[in-house]
Amino acid sequence: YHFELSTRPEGENVLGTDDEWEISTLAL
């Protein structure tokens, strides 16, 4: 098996701001 890190999808219904997504993505 292998690991994949999936990031913010495109679209209007995505929750949160760019900064919040950056924080959470960097945490993972």
mmCIF file of all heavy atoms, coordinates in Angstrom:
data_MODEL
# 
_entry.id   MODEL 
# 
loop_
_atom_site.group_PDB 
_atom_site.id 
_atom_site.type_symbol 
_atom_site.label_atom_id 
_atom_site.label_alt_id 
_atom_site.label_comp_id 
_atom_site.label_asym_id 
_atom_site.label_entity_id 
_atom_site.label_seq_id 
_atom_site.pdbx_PDB_ins_code 
_atom_site.Cartn_x 
_atom_site.Cartn_y 
_atom_site.Cartn_z 
_atom_site.occupancy 
_atom_site.B_iso_or_equiv 
_atom_site.pdbx_formal_charge 
_atom_site.auth_seq_id 
_atom_site.auth_comp_id 
_atom_site.auth_asym_id 
_atom_site.auth_atom_id 
_atom_site.pdbx_PDB_model_num 
ATOM 1   N N   . TYR A 1 1  ? 0.840   -1.196 0.000  1.00 0.00 ? 1  TYR A N   1 
ATOM 2   C CA  . TYR A 1 1  ? 0.000   0.000  0.000  1.00 0.00 ? 1  TYR A CA  1 
ATOM 3   C C   . TYR A 1 1  ? 0.875   1.245  0.000  1.00 0.00 ? 1  TYR A C   1 
ATOM 4   O O   . TYR A 1 1  ? 2.086   1.178  0.260  1.00 0.00 ? 1  TYR A O   1 
ATOM 5   C CB  . TYR A 1 1  ? -0.934  0.014  1.218  1.00 0.00 ? 1  TYR A CB  1 
ATOM 6   C CG  . TYR A 1 1  ? -0.239  -0.013 2.565  1.00 0.00 ? 1  TYR A CG  1 
ATOM 7   C CD1 . TYR A 1 1  ? 0.163   1.166  3.195  1.00 0.00 ? 1  TYR A CD1 1 
ATOM 8   C CD2 . TYR A 1 1  ? 0.028   -1.223 3.216  1.00 0.00 ? 1  TYR A CD2 1 
ATOM 9   C CE1 . TYR A 1 1  ? 0.797   1.138  4.421  1.00 0.00 ? 1  TYR A CE1 1 
ATOM 10  C CE2 . TYR A 1 1  ? 0.664   -1.253 4.431  1.00 0.00 ? 1  TYR A CE2 1 
ATOM 11  C CZ  . TYR A 1 1  ? 1.045   -0.075 5.043  1.00 0.00 ? 1  TYR A CZ  1 
ATOM 12  O OH  . TYR A 1 1  ? 1.690   -0.104 6.255  1.00 0.00 ? 1  TYR A OH  1 
ATOM 13  N N   . HIS A 1 2  ? 0.257   2.387  -0.317 1.00 0.00 ? 2  HIS A N   1 
ATOM 14  C CA  . HIS A 1 2  ? 0.980   3.652  -0.257 1.00 0.00 ? 2  HIS A CA  1 
ATOM 15  C C   . HIS A 1 2  ? 0.046   4.739  0.268  1.00 0.00 ? 2  HIS A C   1 
ATOM 16  O O   . HIS A 1 2  ? -1.180  4.598  0.239  1.00 0.00 ? 2  HIS A O   1 
ATOM 17  C CB  . HIS A 1 2  ? 1.538   4.041  -1.633 1.00 0.00 ? 2  HIS A CB  1 
ATOM 18  C CG  . HIS A 1 2  ? 0.483   4.438  -2.628 1.00 0.00 ? 2  HIS A CG  1 
ATOM 19  N ND1 . HIS A 1 2  ? -0.151  3.524  -3.445 1.00 0.00 ? 2  HIS A ND1 1 
ATOM 20  C CD2 . HIS A 1 2  ? -0.062  5.647  -2.934 1.00 0.00 ? 2  HIS A CD2 1 
ATOM 21  C CE1 . HIS A 1 2  ? -1.023  4.138  -4.212 1.00 0.00 ? 2  HIS A CE1 1 
ATOM 22  N NE2 . HIS A 1 2  ? -0.996  5.441  -3.927 1.00 0.00 ? 2  HIS A NE2 1 
ATOM 23  N N   . PHE A 1 3  ? 0.650   5.834  0.758  1.00 0.00 ? 3  PHE A N   1 
ATOM 24  C CA  . PHE A 1 3  ? -0.109  6.960  1.297  1.00 0.00 ? 3  PHE A CA  1 
ATOM 25  C C   . PHE A 1 3  ? -0.283  8.035  0.230  1.00 0.00 ? 3  PHE A C   1 
ATOM 26  O O   . PHE A 1 3  ? 0.598   8.263  -0.596 1.00 0.00 ? 3  PHE A O   1 
ATOM 27  C CB  . PHE A 1 3  ? 0.612   7.583  2.497  1.00 0.00 ? 3  PHE A CB  1 
ATOM 28  C CG  . PHE A 1 3  ? 0.764   6.650  3.678  1.00 0.00 ? 3  PHE A CG  1 
ATOM 29  C CD1 . PHE A 1 3  ? 1.990   6.087  3.984  1.00 0.00 ? 3  PHE A CD1 1 
ATOM 30  C CD2 . PHE A 1 3  ? -0.320  6.346  4.476  1.00 0.00 ? 3  PHE A CD2 1 
ATOM 31  C CE1 . PHE A 1 3  ? 2.139   5.238  5.071  1.00 0.00 ? 3  PHE A CE1 1 
ATOM 32  C CE2 . PHE A 1 3  ? -0.193  5.495  5.562  1.00 0.00 ? 3  PHE A CE2 1 
ATOM 33  C CZ  . PHE A 1 3  ? 1.039   4.939  5.861  1.00 0.00 ? 3  PHE A CZ  1 
ATOM 34  N N   . GLU A 1 4  ? -1.450  8.686  0.264  1.00 0.00 ? 4  GLU A N   1 
ATOM 35  C CA  . GLU A 1 4  ? -1.698  9.847  -0.583 1.00 0.00 ? 4  GLU A CA  1 
ATOM 36  C C   . GLU A 1 4  ? -2.199  10.997 0.284  1.00 0.00 ? 4  GLU A C   1 
ATOM 37  O O   . GLU A 1 4  ? -3.051  10.785 1.159  1.00 0.00 ? 4  GLU A O   1 
ATOM 38  C CB  . GLU A 1 4  ? -2.736  9.533  -1.672 1.00 0.00 ? 4  GLU A CB  1 
ATOM 39  C CG  . GLU A 1 4  ? -2.230  8.612  -2.753 1.00 0.00 ? 4  GLU A CG  1 
ATOM 40  C CD  . GLU A 1 4  ? -3.192  8.502  -3.927 1.00 0.00 ? 4  GLU A CD  1 
ATOM 41  O OE1 . GLU A 1 4  ? -4.234  9.208  -3.914 1.00 0.00 ? 4  GLU A OE1 1 
ATOM 42  O OE2 . GLU A 1 4  ? -2.909  7.717  -4.864 1.00 0.00 ? 4  GLU A OE2 1 
ATOM 43  N N   . LEU A 1 5  ? -1.685  12.197 0.039  1.00 0.00 ? 5  LEU A N   1 
ATOM 44  C CA  . LEU A 1 5  ? -2.151  13.404 0.717  1.00 0.00 ? 5  LEU A CA  1 
ATOM 45  C C   . LEU A 1 5  ? -3.014  14.185 -0.261 1.00 0.00 ? 5  LEU A C   1 
ATOM 46  O O   . LEU A 1 5  ? -2.531  14.667 -1.288 1.00 0.00 ? 5  LEU A O   1 
ATOM 47  C CB  . LEU A 1 5  ? -0.972  14.250 1.192  1.00 0.00 ? 5  LEU A CB  1 
ATOM 48  C CG  . LEU A 1 5  ? -1.321  15.599 1.827  1.00 0.00 ? 5  LEU A CG  1 
ATOM 49  C CD1 . LEU A 1 5  ? -2.183  15.416 3.076  1.00 0.00 ? 5  LEU A CD1 1 
ATOM 50  C CD2 . LEU A 1 5  ? -0.053  16.386 2.172  1.00 0.00 ? 5  LEU A CD2 1 
ATOM 51  N N   . SER A 1 6  ? -4.313  14.301 0.046  1.00 0.00 ? 6  SER A N   1 
ATOM 52  C CA  . SER A 1 6  ? -5.261  14.969 -0.838 1.00 0.00 ? 6  SER A CA  1 
ATOM 53  C C   . SER A 1 6  ? -5.554  16.377 -0.322 1.00 0.00 ? 6  SER A C   1 
ATOM 54  O O   . SER A 1 6  ? -5.843  16.563 0.862  1.00 0.00 ? 6  SER A O   1 
ATOM 55  C CB  . SER A 1 6  ? -6.562  14.156 -0.933 1.00 0.00 ? 6  SER A CB  1 
ATOM 56  O OG  . SER A 1 6  ? -6.308  12.872 -1.460 1.00 0.00 ? 6  SER A OG  1 
ATOM 57  N N   . THR A 1 7  ? -5.511  17.342 -1.215 1.00 0.00 ? 7  THR A N   1 
ATOM 58  C CA  . THR A 1 7  ? -5.627  18.753 -0.827 1.00 0.00 ? 7  THR A CA  1 
ATOM 59  C C   . THR A 1 7  ? -6.974  19.339 -1.243 1.00 0.00 ? 7  THR A C   1 
ATOM 60  O O   . THR A 1 7  ? -7.849  18.632 -1.747 1.00 0.00 ? 7  THR A O   1 
ATOM 61  C CB  . THR A 1 7  ? -4.478  19.559 -1.459 1.00 0.00 ? 7  THR A CB  1 
ATOM 62  O OG1 . THR A 1 7  ? -4.563  19.433 -2.898 1.00 0.00 ? 7  THR A OG1 1 
ATOM 63  C CG2 . THR A 1 7  ? -3.122  19.035 -1.000 1.00 0.00 ? 7  THR A CG2 1 
ATOM 64  N N   . ARG A 1 8  ? -7.129  20.648 -1.047 1.00 0.00 ? 8  ARG A N   1 
ATOM 65  C CA  . ARG A 1 8  ? -8.409  21.328 -1.226 1.00 0.00 ? 8  ARG A CA  1 
ATOM 66  C C   . ARG A 1 8  ? -8.978  21.127 -2.632 1.00 0.00 ? 8  ARG A C   1 
ATOM 67  O O   . ARG A 1 8  ? -8.311  21.370 -3.632 1.00 0.00 ? 8  ARG A O   1 
ATOM 68  C CB  . ARG A 1 8  ? -8.233  22.823 -0.953 1.00 0.00 ? 8  ARG A CB  1 
ATOM 69  C CG  . ARG A 1 8  ? -9.527  23.614 -1.113 1.00 0.00 ? 8  ARG A CG  1 
ATOM 70  C CD  . ARG A 1 8  ? -9.355  25.057 -0.738 1.00 0.00 ? 8  ARG A CD  1 
ATOM 71  N NE  . ARG A 1 8  ? -10.620 25.786 -0.870 1.00 0.00 ? 8  ARG A NE  1 
ATOM 72  C CZ  . ARG A 1 8  ? -10.830 26.985 -0.362 1.00 0.00 ? 8  ARG A CZ  1 
ATOM 73  N NH1 . ARG A 1 8  ? -9.880  27.604 0.296  1.00 0.00 ? 8  ARG A NH1 1 
ATOM 74  N NH2 . ARG A 1 8  ? -12.007 27.572 -0.520 1.00 0.00 ? 8  ARG A NH2 1 
ATOM 75  N N   . PRO A 1 9  ? -10.255 20.690 -2.701 1.00 0.00 ? 9  PRO A N   1 
ATOM 76  C CA  . PRO A 1 9  ? -10.888 20.545 -4.016 1.00 0.00 ? 9  PRO A CA  1 
ATOM 77  C C   . PRO A 1 9  ? -11.370 21.884 -4.547 1.00 0.00 ? 9  PRO A C   1 
ATOM 78  O O   . PRO A 1 9  ? -11.492 22.865 -3.810 1.00 0.00 ? 9  PRO A O   1 
ATOM 79  C CB  . PRO A 1 9  ? -12.082 19.623 -3.714 1.00 0.00 ? 9  PRO A CB  1 
ATOM 80  C CG  . PRO A 1 9  ? -12.406 19.876 -2.282 1.00 0.00 ? 9  PRO A CG  1 
ATOM 81  C CD  . PRO A 1 9  ? -11.103 20.209 -1.610 1.00 0.00 ? 9  PRO A CD  1 
ATOM 82  N N   . GLU A 1 10 ? -11.636 21.903 -5.827 1.00 0.00 ? 10 GLU A N   1 
ATOM 83  C CA  . GLU A 1 10 ? -12.211 23.094 -6.443 1.00 0.00 ? 10 GLU A CA  1 
ATOM 84  C C   . GLU A 1 10 ? -13.715 23.120 -6.187 1.00 0.00 ? 10 GLU A C   1 
ATOM 85  O O   . GLU A 1 10 ? -14.341 22.095 -5.927 1.00 0.00 ? 10 GLU A O   1 
ATOM 86  C CB  . GLU A 1 10 ? -11.951 23.080 -7.953 1.00 0.00 ? 10 GLU A CB  1 
ATOM 87  C CG  . GLU A 1 10 ? -10.476 23.081 -8.332 1.00 0.00 ? 10 GLU A CG  1 
ATOM 88  C CD  . GLU A 1 10 ? -9.771  24.356 -7.934 1.00 0.00 ? 10 GLU A CD  1 
ATOM 89  O OE1 . GLU A 1 10 ? -10.447 25.410 -7.889 1.00 0.00 ? 10 GLU A OE1 1 
ATOM 90  O OE2 . GLU A 1 10 ? -8.560  24.301 -7.666 1.00 0.00 ? 10 GLU A OE2 1 
ATOM 91  N N   . GLY A 1 11 ? -14.329 24.310 -6.224 1.00 0.00 ? 11 GLY A N   1 
ATOM 92  C CA  . GLY A 1 11 ? -15.777 24.404 -6.077 1.00 0.00 ? 11 GLY A CA  1 
ATOM 93  C C   . GLY A 1 11 ? -16.187 25.449 -5.066 1.00 0.00 ? 11 GLY A C   1 
ATOM 94  O O   . GLY A 1 11 ? -15.399 25.831 -4.185 1.00 0.00 ? 11 GLY A O   1 
ATOM 95  N N   . GLU A 1 12 ? -17.433 25.871 -5.177 1.00 0.00 ? 12 GLU A N   1 
ATOM 96  C CA  . GLU A 1 12 ? -17.935 26.941 -4.328 1.00 0.00 ? 12 GLU A CA  1 
ATOM 97  C C   . GLU A 1 12 ? -18.354 26.455 -2.945 1.00 0.00 ? 12 GLU A C   1 
ATOM 98  O O   . GLU A 1 12 ? -18.415 27.238 -1.998 1.00 0.00 ? 12 GLU A O   1 
ATOM 99  C CB  . GLU A 1 12 ? -19.143 27.613 -4.999 1.00 0.00 ? 12 GLU A CB  1 
ATOM 100 C CG  . GLU A 1 12 ? -18.816 28.275 -6.326 1.00 0.00 ? 12 GLU A CG  1 
ATOM 101 C CD  . GLU A 1 12 ? -20.047 28.886 -6.970 1.00 0.00 ? 12 GLU A CD  1 
ATOM 102 O OE1 . GLU A 1 12 ? -21.145 28.728 -6.379 1.00 0.00 ? 12 GLU A OE1 1 
ATOM 103 O OE2 . GLU A 1 12 ? -19.911 29.506 -8.040 1.00 0.00 ? 12 GLU A OE2 1 
ATOM 104 N N   . ASN A 1 13 ? -18.662 25.168 -2.814 1.00 0.00 ? 13 ASN A N   1 
ATOM 105 C CA  . ASN A 1 13 ? -19.214 24.669 -1.556 1.00 0.00 ? 13 ASN A CA  1 
ATOM 106 C C   . ASN A 1 13 ? -18.163 24.187 -0.569 1.00 0.00 ? 13 ASN A C   1 
ATOM 107 O O   . ASN A 1 13 ? -18.501 23.656 0.486  1.00 0.00 ? 13 ASN A O   1 
ATOM 108 C CB  . ASN A 1 13 ? -20.199 23.531 -1.846 1.00 0.00 ? 13 ASN A CB  1 
ATOM 109 C CG  . ASN A 1 13 ? -21.429 24.017 -2.580 1.00 0.00 ? 13 ASN A CG  1 
ATOM 110 O OD1 . ASN A 1 13 ? -21.939 25.099 -2.300 1.00 0.00 ? 13 ASN A OD1 1 
ATOM 111 N ND2 . ASN A 1 13 ? -21.907 23.229 -3.533 1.00 0.00 ? 13 ASN A ND2 1 
ATOM 112 N N   . VAL A 1 14 ? -16.892 24.339 -0.886 1.00 0.00 ? 14 VAL A N   1 
ATOM 113 C CA  . VAL A 1 14 ? -15.822 23.946 0.027  1.00 0.00 ? 14 VAL A CA  1 
ATOM 114 C C   . VAL A 1 14 ? -15.850 24.858 1.247  1.00 0.00 ? 14 VAL A C   1 
ATOM 115 O O   . VAL A 1 14 ? -15.955 26.084 1.129  1.00 0.00 ? 14 VAL A O   1 
ATOM 116 C CB  . VAL A 1 14 ? -14.454 24.019 -0.677 1.00 0.00 ? 14 VAL A CB  1 
ATOM 117 C CG1 . VAL A 1 14 ? -13.335 23.737 0.308  1.00 0.00 ? 14 VAL A CG1 1 
ATOM 118 C CG2 . VAL A 1 14 ? -14.412 23.021 -1.832 1.00 0.00 ? 14 VAL A CG2 1 
ATOM 119 N N   . LEU A 1 15 ? -15.754 24.262 2.429  1.00 0.00 ? 15 LEU A N   1 
ATOM 120 C CA  . LEU A 1 15 ? -15.803 25.041 3.662  1.00 0.00 ? 15 LEU A CA  1 
ATOM 121 C C   . LEU A 1 15 ? -14.451 25.647 3.980  1.00 0.00 ? 15 LEU A C   1 
ATOM 122 O O   . LEU A 1 15 ? -13.404 25.057 3.667  1.00 0.00 ? 15 LEU A O   1 
ATOM 123 C CB  . LEU A 1 15 ? -16.250 24.150 4.833  1.00 0.00 ? 15 LEU A CB  1 
ATOM 124 C CG  . LEU A 1 15 ? -17.616 23.474 4.718  1.00 0.00 ? 15 LEU A CG  1 
ATOM 125 C CD1 . LEU A 1 15 ? -17.892 22.637 5.954  1.00 0.00 ? 15 LEU A CD1 1 
ATOM 126 C CD2 . LEU A 1 15 ? -18.717 24.506 4.521  1.00 0.00 ? 15 LEU A CD2 1 
ATOM 127 N N   . GLY A 1 16 ? -14.462 26.827 4.622  1.00 0.00 ? 16 GLY A N   1 
ATOM 128 C CA  . GLY A 1 16 ? -13.239 27.404 5.148  1.00 0.00 ? 16 GLY A CA  1 
ATOM 129 C C   . GLY A 1 16 ? -12.506 28.328 4.209  1.00 0.00 ? 16 GLY A C   1 
ATOM 130 O O   . GLY A 1 16 ? -12.799 28.430 3.017  1.00 0.00 ? 16 GLY A O   1 
ATOM 131 N N   . THR A 1 17 ? -11.511 29.015 4.777  1.00 0.00 ? 17 THR A N   1 
ATOM 132 C CA  . THR A 1 17 ? -10.699 29.973 4.036  1.00 0.00 ? 17 THR A CA  1 
ATOM 133 C C   . THR A 1 17 ? -9.406  29.321 3.554  1.00 0.00 ? 17 THR A C   1 
ATOM 134 O O   . THR A 1 17 ? -9.047  28.215 3.981  1.00 0.00 ? 17 THR A O   1 
ATOM 135 C CB  . THR A 1 17 ? -10.349 31.161 4.936  1.00 0.00 ? 17 THR A CB  1 
ATOM 136 O OG1 . THR A 1 17 ? -9.506  30.689 6.015  1.00 0.00 ? 17 THR A OG1 1 
ATOM 137 C CG2 . THR A 1 17 ? -11.603 31.801 5.539  1.00 0.00 ? 17 THR A CG2 1 
ATOM 138 N N   . ASP A 1 18 ? -8.706  30.033 2.689  1.00 0.00 ? 18 ASP A N   1 
ATOM 139 C CA  . ASP A 1 18 ? -7.414  29.535 2.200  1.00 0.00 ? 18 ASP A CA  1 
ATOM 140 C C   . ASP A 1 18 ? -6.451  29.317 3.350  1.00 0.00 ? 18 ASP A C   1 
ATOM 141 O O   . ASP A 1 18 ? -5.696  28.332 3.370  1.00 0.00 ? 18 ASP A O   1 
ATOM 142 C CB  . ASP A 1 18 ? -6.821  30.519 1.190  1.00 0.00 ? 18 ASP A CB  1 
ATOM 143 C CG  . ASP A 1 18 ? -7.578  30.537 -0.123 1.00 0.00 ? 18 ASP A CG  1 
ATOM 144 O OD1 . ASP A 1 18 ? -8.358  29.585 -0.358 1.00 0.00 ? 18 ASP A OD1 1 
ATOM 145 O OD2 . ASP A 1 18 ? -7.406  31.498 -0.899 1.00 0.00 ? 18 ASP A OD2 1 
ATOM 146 N N   . ASP A 1 19 ? -6.435  30.250 4.317  1.00 0.00 ? 19 ASP A N   1 
ATOM 147 C CA  . ASP A 1 19 ? -5.518  30.131 5.452  1.00 0.00 ? 19 ASP A CA  1 
ATOM 148 C C   . ASP A 1 19 ? -5.843  28.889 6.286  1.00 0.00 ? 19 ASP A C   1 
ATOM 149 O O   . ASP A 1 19 ? -4.924  28.174 6.729  1.00 0.00 ? 19 ASP A O   1 
ATOM 150 C CB  . ASP A 1 19 ? -5.603  31.380 6.334  1.00 0.00 ? 19 ASP A CB  1 
ATOM 151 C CG  . ASP A 1 19 ? -4.958  32.595 5.685  1.00 0.00 ? 19 ASP A CG  1 
ATOM 152 O OD1 . ASP A 1 19 ? -4.171  32.401 4.729  1.00 0.00 ? 19 ASP A OD1 1 
ATOM 153 O OD2 . ASP A 1 19 ? -5.234  33.729 6.117  1.00 0.00 ? 19 ASP A OD2 1 
ATOM 154 N N   . GLU A 1 20 ? -7.135  28.622 6.509  1.00 0.00 ? 20 GLU A N   1 
ATOM 155 C CA  . GLU A 1 20 ? -7.516  27.449 7.301  1.00 0.00 ? 20 GLU A CA  1 
ATOM 156 C C   . GLU A 1 20 ? -7.118  26.158 6.585  1.00 0.00 ? 20 GLU A C   1 
ATOM 157 O O   . GLU A 1 20 ? -6.657  25.198 7.214  1.00 0.00 ? 20 GLU A O   1 
ATOM 158 C CB  . GLU A 1 20 ? -9.022  27.478 7.572  1.00 0.00 ? 20 GLU A CB  1 
ATOM 159 C CG  . GLU A 1 20 ? -9.428  28.549 8.582  1.00 0.00 ? 20 GLU A CG  1 
ATOM 160 C CD  . GLU A 1 20 ? -10.938 28.704 8.694  1.00 0.00 ? 20 GLU A CD  1 
ATOM 161 O OE1 . GLU A 1 20 ? -11.622 28.649 7.649  1.00 0.00 ? 20 GLU A OE1 1 
ATOM 162 O OE2 . GLU A 1 20 ? -11.428 28.883 9.829  1.00 0.00 ? 20 GLU A OE2 1 
ATOM 163 N N   . TRP A 1 21 ? -7.279  26.152 5.265  1.00 0.00 ? 21 TRP A N   1 
ATOM 164 C CA  . TRP A 1 21 ? -6.873  24.968 4.508  1.00 0.00 ? 21 TRP A CA  1 
ATOM 165 C C   . TRP A 1 21 ? -5.358  24.789 4.532  1.00 0.00 ? 21 TRP A C   1 
ATOM 166 O O   . TRP A 1 21 ? -4.862  23.669 4.609  1.00 0.00 ? 21 TRP A O   1 
ATOM 167 C CB  . TRP A 1 21 ? -7.383  25.075 3.075  1.00 0.00 ? 21 TRP A CB  1 
ATOM 168 C CG  . TRP A 1 21 ? -8.769  24.532 2.930  1.00 0.00 ? 21 TRP A CG  1 
ATOM 169 C CD1 . TRP A 1 21 ? -9.938  25.193 3.128  1.00 0.00 ? 21 TRP A CD1 1 
ATOM 170 C CD2 . TRP A 1 21 ? -9.118  23.191 2.598  1.00 0.00 ? 21 TRP A CD2 1 
ATOM 171 N NE1 . TRP A 1 21 ? -10.999 24.349 2.928  1.00 0.00 ? 21 TRP A NE1 1 
ATOM 172 C CE2 . TRP A 1 21 ? -10.531 23.116 2.580  1.00 0.00 ? 21 TRP A CE2 1 
ATOM 173 C CE3 . TRP A 1 21 ? -8.390  22.046 2.276  1.00 0.00 ? 21 TRP A CE3 1 
ATOM 174 C CZ2 . TRP A 1 21 ? -11.219 21.941 2.295  1.00 0.00 ? 21 TRP A CZ2 1 
ATOM 175 C CZ3 . TRP A 1 21 ? -9.077  20.880 1.975  1.00 0.00 ? 21 TRP A CZ3 1 
ATOM 176 C CH2 . TRP A 1 21 ? -10.466 20.830 1.986  1.00 0.00 ? 21 TRP A CH2 1 
ATOM 177 N N   . GLU A 1 22 ? -4.633  25.865 4.496  1.00 0.00 ? 22 GLU A N   1 
ATOM 178 C CA  . GLU A 1 22 ? -3.175  25.766 4.548  1.00 0.00 ? 22 GLU A CA  1 
ATOM 179 C C   . GLU A 1 22 ? -2.728  25.216 5.887  1.00 0.00 ? 22 GLU A C   1 
ATOM 180 O O   . GLU A 1 22 ? -1.836  24.358 5.957  1.00 0.00 ? 22 GLU A O   1 
ATOM 181 C CB  . GLU A 1 22 ? -2.551  27.142 4.296  1.00 0.00 ? 22 GLU A CB  1 
ATOM 182 C CG  . GLU A 1 22 ? -1.027  27.096 4.238  1.00 0.00 ? 22 GLU A CG  1 
ATOM 183 C CD  . GLU A 1 22 ? -0.399  28.434 3.906  1.00 0.00 ? 22 GLU A CD  1 
ATOM 184 O OE1 . GLU A 1 22 ? -1.155  29.417 3.703  1.00 0.00 ? 22 GLU A OE1 1 
ATOM 185 O OE2 . GLU A 1 22 ? 0.843   28.505 3.859  1.00 0.00 ? 22 GLU A OE2 1 
ATOM 186 N N   . ILE A 1 23 ? -3.356  25.705 6.958  1.00 0.00 ? 23 ILE A N   1 
ATOM 187 C CA  . ILE A 1 23 ? -3.008  25.223 8.305  1.00 0.00 ? 23 ILE A CA  1 
ATOM 188 C C   . ILE A 1 23 ? -3.267  23.717 8.421  1.00 0.00 ? 23 ILE A C   1 
ATOM 189 O O   . ILE A 1 23 ? -2.422  22.955 8.913  1.00 0.00 ? 23 ILE A O   1 
ATOM 190 C CB  . ILE A 1 23 ? -3.817  25.990 9.369  1.00 0.00 ? 23 ILE A CB  1 
ATOM 191 C CG1 . ILE A 1 23 ? -3.336  27.439 9.474  1.00 0.00 ? 23 ILE A CG1 1 
ATOM 192 C CG2 . ILE A 1 23 ? -3.697  25.306 10.733 1.00 0.00 ? 23 ILE A CG2 1 
ATOM 193 C CD1 . ILE A 1 23 ? -4.234  28.323 10.327 1.00 0.00 ? 23 ILE A CD1 1 
ATOM 194 N N   . SER A 1 24 ? -4.459  23.285 7.981  1.00 0.00 ? 24 SER A N   1 
ATOM 195 C CA  . SER A 1 24 ? -4.817  21.873 8.128  1.00 0.00 ? 24 SER A CA  1 
ATOM 196 C C   . SER A 1 24 ? -3.981  20.979 7.216  1.00 0.00 ? 24 SER A C   1 
ATOM 197 O O   . SER A 1 24 ? -3.566  19.881 7.610  1.00 0.00 ? 24 SER A O   1 
ATOM 198 C CB  . SER A 1 24 ? -6.309  21.678 7.860  1.00 0.00 ? 24 SER A CB  1 
ATOM 199 O OG  . SER A 1 24 ? -6.675  22.204 6.600  1.00 0.00 ? 24 SER A OG  1 
ATOM 200 N N   . THR A 1 25 ? -3.692  21.439 5.999  1.00 0.00 ? 25 THR A N   1 
ATOM 201 C CA  . THR A 1 25 ? -2.875  20.638 5.081  1.00 0.00 ? 25 THR A CA  1 
ATOM 202 C C   . THR A 1 25 ? -1.450  20.486 5.599  1.00 0.00 ? 25 THR A C   1 
ATOM 203 O O   . THR A 1 25 ? -0.867  19.396 5.549  1.00 0.00 ? 25 THR A O   1 
ATOM 204 C CB  . THR A 1 25 ? -2.863  21.272 3.675  1.00 0.00 ? 25 THR A CB  1 
ATOM 205 O OG1 . THR A 1 25 ? -4.202  21.413 3.202  1.00 0.00 ? 25 THR A OG1 1 
ATOM 206 C CG2 . THR A 1 25 ? -2.073  20.420 2.703  1.00 0.00 ? 25 THR A CG2 1 
ATOM 207 N N   . LEU A 1 26 ? -0.884  21.581 6.117  1.00 0.00 ? 26 LEU A N   1 
ATOM 208 C CA  . LEU A 1 26 ? 0.469   21.519 6.676  1.00 0.00 ? 26 LEU A CA  1 
ATOM 209 C C   . LEU A 1 26 ? 0.520   20.598 7.891  1.00 0.00 ? 26 LEU A C   1 
ATOM 210 O O   . LEU A 1 26 ? 1.525   19.917 8.125  1.00 0.00 ? 26 LEU A O   1 
ATOM 211 C CB  . LEU A 1 26 ? 0.949   22.921 7.047  1.00 0.00 ? 26 LEU A CB  1 
ATOM 212 C CG  . LEU A 1 26 ? 1.356   23.819 5.872  1.00 0.00 ? 26 LEU A CG  1 
ATOM 213 C CD1 . LEU A 1 26 ? 1.682   25.233 6.375  1.00 0.00 ? 26 LEU A CD1 1 
ATOM 214 C CD2 . LEU A 1 26 ? 2.552   23.233 5.127  1.00 0.00 ? 26 LEU A CD2 1 
ATOM 215 N N   . ALA A 1 27 ? -0.573  20.570 8.684  1.00 0.00 ? 27 ALA A N   1 
ATOM 216 C CA  . ALA A 1 27 ? -0.607  19.695 9.857  1.00 0.00 ? 27 ALA A CA  1 
ATOM 217 C C   . ALA A 1 27 ? -0.510  18.228 9.442  1.00 0.00 ? 27 ALA A C   1 
ATOM 218 O O   . ALA A 1 27 ? 0.224   17.437 10.061 1.00 0.00 ? 27 ALA A O   1 
ATOM 219 C CB  . ALA A 1 27 ? -1.888  19.941 10.651 1.00 0.00 ? 27 ALA A CB  1 
ATOM 220 N N   . LEU A 1 28 ? -1.235  17.837 8.384  1.00 0.00 ? 28 LEU A N   1 
ATOM 221 C CA  . LEU A 1 28 ? -1.162  16.455 7.915  1.00 0.00 ? 28 LEU A CA  1 
ATOM 222 C C   . LEU A 1 28 ? 0.175   16.161 7.247  1.00 0.00 ? 28 LEU A C   1 
ATOM 223 O O   . LEU A 1 28 ? 0.744   15.073 7.413  1.00 0.00 ? 28 LEU A O   1 
ATOM 224 C CB  . LEU A 1 28 ? -2.303  16.171 6.939  1.00 0.00 ? 28 LEU A CB  1 
ATOM 225 C CG  . LEU A 1 28 ? -3.719  16.136 7.515  1.00 0.00 ? 28 LEU A CG  1 
ATOM 226 C CD1 . LEU A 1 28 ? -4.705  15.678 6.448  1.00 0.00 ? 28 LEU A CD1 1 
ATOM 227 C CD2 . LEU A 1 28 ? -3.814  15.233 8.733  1.00 0.00 ? 28 LEU A CD2 1 
# 
